[in-house]
N, C-alpha and C. Protein backbone atom coordinates (compact mmCIF):
# COMPACT_ATOMS: atom_id res chain seq x y z
N MET A 1 55.82 50.32 66.53
CA MET A 1 54.63 50.92 65.98
C MET A 1 55.05 52.08 65.08
N GLY A 2 54.50 52.13 63.88
CA GLY A 2 54.85 53.18 62.94
C GLY A 2 54.22 54.52 63.30
N ARG A 3 54.84 55.56 62.81
CA ARG A 3 54.31 56.90 63.05
C ARG A 3 53.22 57.21 62.05
N ARG A 4 52.26 57.94 62.47
CA ARG A 4 51.16 58.33 61.60
C ARG A 4 51.47 59.69 61.00
N GLY A 5 50.93 59.94 59.84
CA GLY A 5 51.22 61.17 59.12
C GLY A 5 50.61 62.41 59.73
N ALA A 6 51.00 63.54 59.18
CA ALA A 6 50.48 64.83 59.64
C ALA A 6 48.97 64.87 59.46
N GLY A 7 48.30 65.43 60.41
CA GLY A 7 46.86 65.57 60.34
C GLY A 7 46.10 64.39 60.90
N TYR A 8 46.80 63.31 61.27
CA TYR A 8 46.11 62.14 61.80
C TYR A 8 45.43 62.50 63.12
N GLY A 9 44.15 62.23 63.20
CA GLY A 9 43.40 62.53 64.42
C GLY A 9 43.10 64.00 64.62
N SER A 10 43.35 64.80 63.61
CA SER A 10 43.13 66.24 63.71
C SER A 10 41.64 66.56 63.70
N PRO A 11 41.19 67.45 64.58
CA PRO A 11 39.79 67.87 64.55
C PRO A 11 39.51 68.89 63.44
N ASP A 12 40.57 69.32 62.75
CA ASP A 12 40.43 70.32 61.69
C ASP A 12 39.74 69.70 60.47
N PRO A 13 38.55 70.19 60.09
CA PRO A 13 37.86 69.61 58.94
C PRO A 13 38.63 69.79 57.63
N ALA A 14 39.57 70.75 57.60
CA ALA A 14 40.35 70.96 56.39
C ALA A 14 41.53 70.00 56.28
N ALA A 15 41.80 69.22 57.33
CA ALA A 15 42.90 68.26 57.29
C ALA A 15 42.62 67.21 56.21
N ALA A 16 43.64 66.85 55.46
CA ALA A 16 43.49 65.93 54.34
C ALA A 16 42.82 64.62 54.75
N ARG A 17 43.15 64.10 55.91
CA ARG A 17 42.57 62.82 56.35
C ARG A 17 41.09 62.93 56.69
N ASN A 18 40.58 64.11 56.87
CA ASN A 18 39.17 64.30 57.21
C ASN A 18 38.30 64.57 55.99
N ARG A 19 38.91 64.68 54.83
CA ARG A 19 38.17 65.06 53.63
C ARG A 19 36.99 64.13 53.36
N ARG A 20 37.19 62.82 53.46
CA ARG A 20 36.09 61.91 53.14
C ARG A 20 34.93 62.06 54.11
N TYR A 21 35.23 62.38 55.37
CA TYR A 21 34.16 62.56 56.35
C TYR A 21 33.39 63.85 56.09
N VAL A 22 34.11 64.91 55.77
CA VAL A 22 33.47 66.19 55.48
C VAL A 22 32.61 66.06 54.23
N MET A 23 33.13 65.42 53.20
CA MET A 23 32.37 65.24 51.97
C MET A 23 31.15 64.34 52.21
N GLY A 24 31.31 63.32 53.05
CA GLY A 24 30.19 62.45 53.40
C GLY A 24 29.09 63.22 54.12
N ASN A 25 29.48 64.09 55.04
CA ASN A 25 28.50 64.91 55.74
C ASN A 25 27.78 65.85 54.79
N GLU A 26 28.52 66.47 53.88
CA GLU A 26 27.91 67.37 52.92
C GLU A 26 26.89 66.63 52.06
N LEU A 27 27.25 65.43 51.60
CA LEU A 27 26.34 64.63 50.79
C LEU A 27 25.08 64.28 51.59
N TYR A 28 25.27 63.84 52.83
CA TYR A 28 24.14 63.48 53.69
C TYR A 28 23.19 64.67 53.87
N PHE A 29 23.72 65.83 54.22
CA PHE A 29 22.87 66.99 54.44
C PHE A 29 22.15 67.41 53.16
N HIS A 30 22.81 67.27 52.02
CA HIS A 30 22.19 67.63 50.74
C HIS A 30 21.09 66.64 50.36
N GLU A 31 21.38 65.35 50.47
CA GLU A 31 20.44 64.31 50.02
C GLU A 31 19.30 64.05 51.00
N ALA A 32 19.60 64.00 52.29
CA ALA A 32 18.59 63.59 53.28
C ALA A 32 17.82 64.76 53.89
N ASP A 33 18.37 65.96 53.82
CA ASP A 33 17.75 67.16 54.40
C ASP A 33 17.25 66.90 55.82
N PRO A 34 18.15 66.49 56.73
CA PRO A 34 17.71 66.13 58.08
C PRO A 34 17.08 67.28 58.85
N GLU A 35 17.45 68.51 58.54
CA GLU A 35 16.87 69.65 59.26
C GLU A 35 15.37 69.74 59.02
N ALA A 36 14.93 69.41 57.80
CA ALA A 36 13.51 69.46 57.47
C ALA A 36 12.73 68.35 58.17
N ARG A 37 13.40 67.25 58.51
CA ARG A 37 12.74 66.10 59.13
C ARG A 37 12.79 66.12 60.66
N ALA A 38 13.69 66.90 61.20
CA ALA A 38 13.91 66.89 62.65
C ALA A 38 12.78 67.57 63.40
N GLY A 39 12.51 67.08 64.59
CA GLY A 39 11.54 67.73 65.46
C GLY A 39 12.12 68.97 66.11
N VAL A 40 13.42 68.94 66.37
CA VAL A 40 14.12 70.07 66.98
C VAL A 40 15.49 70.18 66.34
N VAL A 41 15.90 71.40 66.01
CA VAL A 41 17.23 71.65 65.48
C VAL A 41 17.94 72.60 66.44
N LEU A 42 19.13 72.20 66.86
CA LEU A 42 19.91 73.01 67.79
C LEU A 42 21.11 73.63 67.09
N ASP A 43 21.44 74.84 67.48
CA ASP A 43 22.66 75.50 67.02
C ASP A 43 23.67 75.39 68.15
N ASN A 44 24.70 74.56 67.94
CA ASN A 44 25.74 74.36 68.95
C ASN A 44 27.02 75.10 68.60
N THR A 45 26.91 76.17 67.82
CA THR A 45 28.09 76.94 67.45
C THR A 45 28.84 77.39 68.71
N ASP A 46 28.09 77.86 69.69
CA ASP A 46 28.67 78.22 70.99
C ASP A 46 28.25 77.13 71.97
N LEU A 47 29.18 76.23 72.29
CA LEU A 47 28.85 75.08 73.13
C LEU A 47 28.41 75.47 74.54
N THR A 48 28.73 76.67 74.96
CA THR A 48 28.30 77.12 76.28
C THR A 48 26.90 77.72 76.25
N ASP A 49 26.36 77.93 75.04
CA ASP A 49 25.04 78.55 74.90
C ASP A 49 24.29 77.96 73.70
N PRO A 50 23.91 76.67 73.76
CA PRO A 50 23.18 76.08 72.64
C PRO A 50 21.80 76.74 72.49
N ARG A 51 21.35 76.85 71.27
CA ARG A 51 20.06 77.51 71.00
C ARG A 51 19.19 76.63 70.13
N VAL A 52 17.87 76.66 70.40
CA VAL A 52 16.91 75.98 69.55
C VAL A 52 16.68 76.87 68.34
N VAL A 53 16.92 76.31 67.14
CA VAL A 53 16.74 77.06 65.90
C VAL A 53 15.36 76.78 65.34
N VAL A 54 14.96 75.52 65.32
CA VAL A 54 13.67 75.10 64.79
C VAL A 54 13.06 74.08 65.73
N ALA A 55 11.81 74.25 66.06
CA ALA A 55 11.07 73.25 66.84
C ALA A 55 9.75 73.01 66.14
N HIS A 56 9.56 71.80 65.64
CA HIS A 56 8.32 71.46 64.90
C HIS A 56 7.30 70.91 65.85
């Protein structure tokens, strides 16, 4: 089995292999505006203390 390059499987959004996923997410959030459509928006910045940001 061959070795995979640096950054493979990295959770770091700045890793080169994650660029297409990060750019895809940015496009989705810009085009679809899911926050405006959601019934509830959560802030999970602190996973031990999630907070409701918007509840429609």
